[in-house]
Amino acid sequence: MRLDKWLKVSRLIKRRSVANEACDNGRISVSGRPVKASYEVKPGDVLELKFGEKLIRVEVLSTAEIVGKDGADAMYRQL
């Protein structure tokens, strides 16, 4: 699954366009290197999201295409 779509489905970022913009500006990195929105997310990837001064690190657990509001938290584990 594409990174921008995964960020939206997991509800870490509200809109796919915002996720795409964050990737373009280098705010999303995988294992310490910035990635584009087209990066294929795999279970086990460690993502770092920078929101201003705040840094969020999560490990990808699932890449399901369709997830409800309750299941979105099960897609990642916060580190």
Protein backbone atom coordinates (compact mmCIF):
# COMPACT_ATOMS: atom_id res chain seq x y z
CA MET A 1 0.00 0.00 0.00
CA ARG A 2 1.23 3.52 -0.77
CA LEU A 3 2.48 5.52 2.21
CA ASP A 4 0.06 8.42 1.73
CA LYS A 5 -2.92 6.06 1.59
CA TRP A 6 -1.69 4.09 4.64
CA LEU A 7 -1.36 7.30 6.67
CA LYS A 8 -4.97 8.19 5.84
CA VAL A 9 -6.40 4.70 6.46
CA SER A 10 -4.54 4.42 9.79
CA ARG A 11 -5.90 7.86 10.71
CA LEU A 12 -2.50 9.27 11.63
CA ILE A 13 -3.21 12.04 9.08
CA LYS A 14 -6.77 13.09 8.23
CA ARG A 15 -6.54 13.58 4.46
CA ARG A 16 -4.52 11.84 1.77
CA SER A 17 -3.60 15.19 0.20
CA VAL A 18 -2.13 16.36 3.53
CA ALA A 19 -0.20 13.08 3.83
CA ASN A 20 1.10 13.56 0.28
CA GLU A 21 2.23 17.10 1.11
CA ALA A 22 3.97 15.93 4.30
CA CYS A 23 5.93 13.35 2.29
CA ASP A 24 6.89 15.95 -0.33
CA ASN A 25 8.23 18.26 2.40
CA GLY A 26 10.38 15.52 3.96
CA ARG A 27 8.39 15.21 7.18
CA ILE A 28 7.93 11.44 6.86
CA SER A 29 10.89 9.07 7.01
CA VAL A 30 11.35 5.30 7.08
CA SER A 31 14.37 3.98 8.98
CA GLY A 32 15.91 7.46 9.04
CA ARG A 33 15.60 8.35 5.35
CA PRO A 34 12.92 10.62 3.86
CA VAL A 35 10.50 8.85 1.52
CA LYS A 36 8.00 9.87 -1.13
CA ALA A 37 4.24 9.32 -0.95
CA SER A 38 4.55 6.42 -3.40
CA TYR A 39 6.71 4.36 -0.99
CA GLU A 40 5.24 0.87 -0.51
CA VAL A 41 4.59 0.38 3.20
CA LYS A 42 5.27 -3.11 4.58
CA PRO A 43 4.58 -4.60 8.02
CA GLY A 44 7.65 -4.07 10.18
CA ASP A 45 8.55 -0.63 8.75
CA VAL A 46 9.35 2.03 11.36
CA LEU A 47 7.95 5.42 10.35
CA GLU A 48 8.93 8.79 11.82
CA LEU A 49 6.42 11.61 11.42
CA LYS A 50 7.43 15.19 12.20
CA PHE A 51 4.63 17.59 13.15
CA GLY A 52 6.33 20.87 14.05
CA GLU A 53 8.40 20.14 17.15
CA LYS A 54 6.62 16.83 17.77
CA LEU A 55 8.14 13.54 16.53
CA ILE A 56 6.02 10.40 16.35
CA ARG A 57 7.58 6.97 15.74
CA VAL A 58 5.32 4.06 14.80
CA GLU A 59 5.85 0.50 13.64
CA VAL A 60 3.58 -0.72 10.85
CA LEU A 61 1.64 -3.84 11.87
CA SER A 62 -0.93 -4.09 9.08
CA THR A 63 -1.56 -2.73 5.59
CA ALA A 64 -5.28 -3.51 5.27
CA GLU A 65 -7.06 -1.54 2.53
CA ILE A 66 -10.33 -0.95 4.41
CA VAL A 67 -10.39 -0.41 8.17
CA GLY A 68 -13.08 1.03 10.41
CA LYS A 69 -12.54 3.69 13.02
CA ASP A 70 -12.04 1.09 15.76
CA GLY A 71 -9.52 -0.96 13.79
CA ALA A 72 -7.29 1.96 12.78
CA ASP A 73 -5.27 1.76 16.02
CA ALA A 74 -4.44 -1.90 15.30
CA MET A 75 -2.57 -0.93 12.11
CA TYR A 76 0.43 0.46 14.01
CA ARG A 77 2.23 0.40 17.33
CA GLN A 78 3.59 3.65 18.75
CA LEU A 79 7.25 3.49 19.80
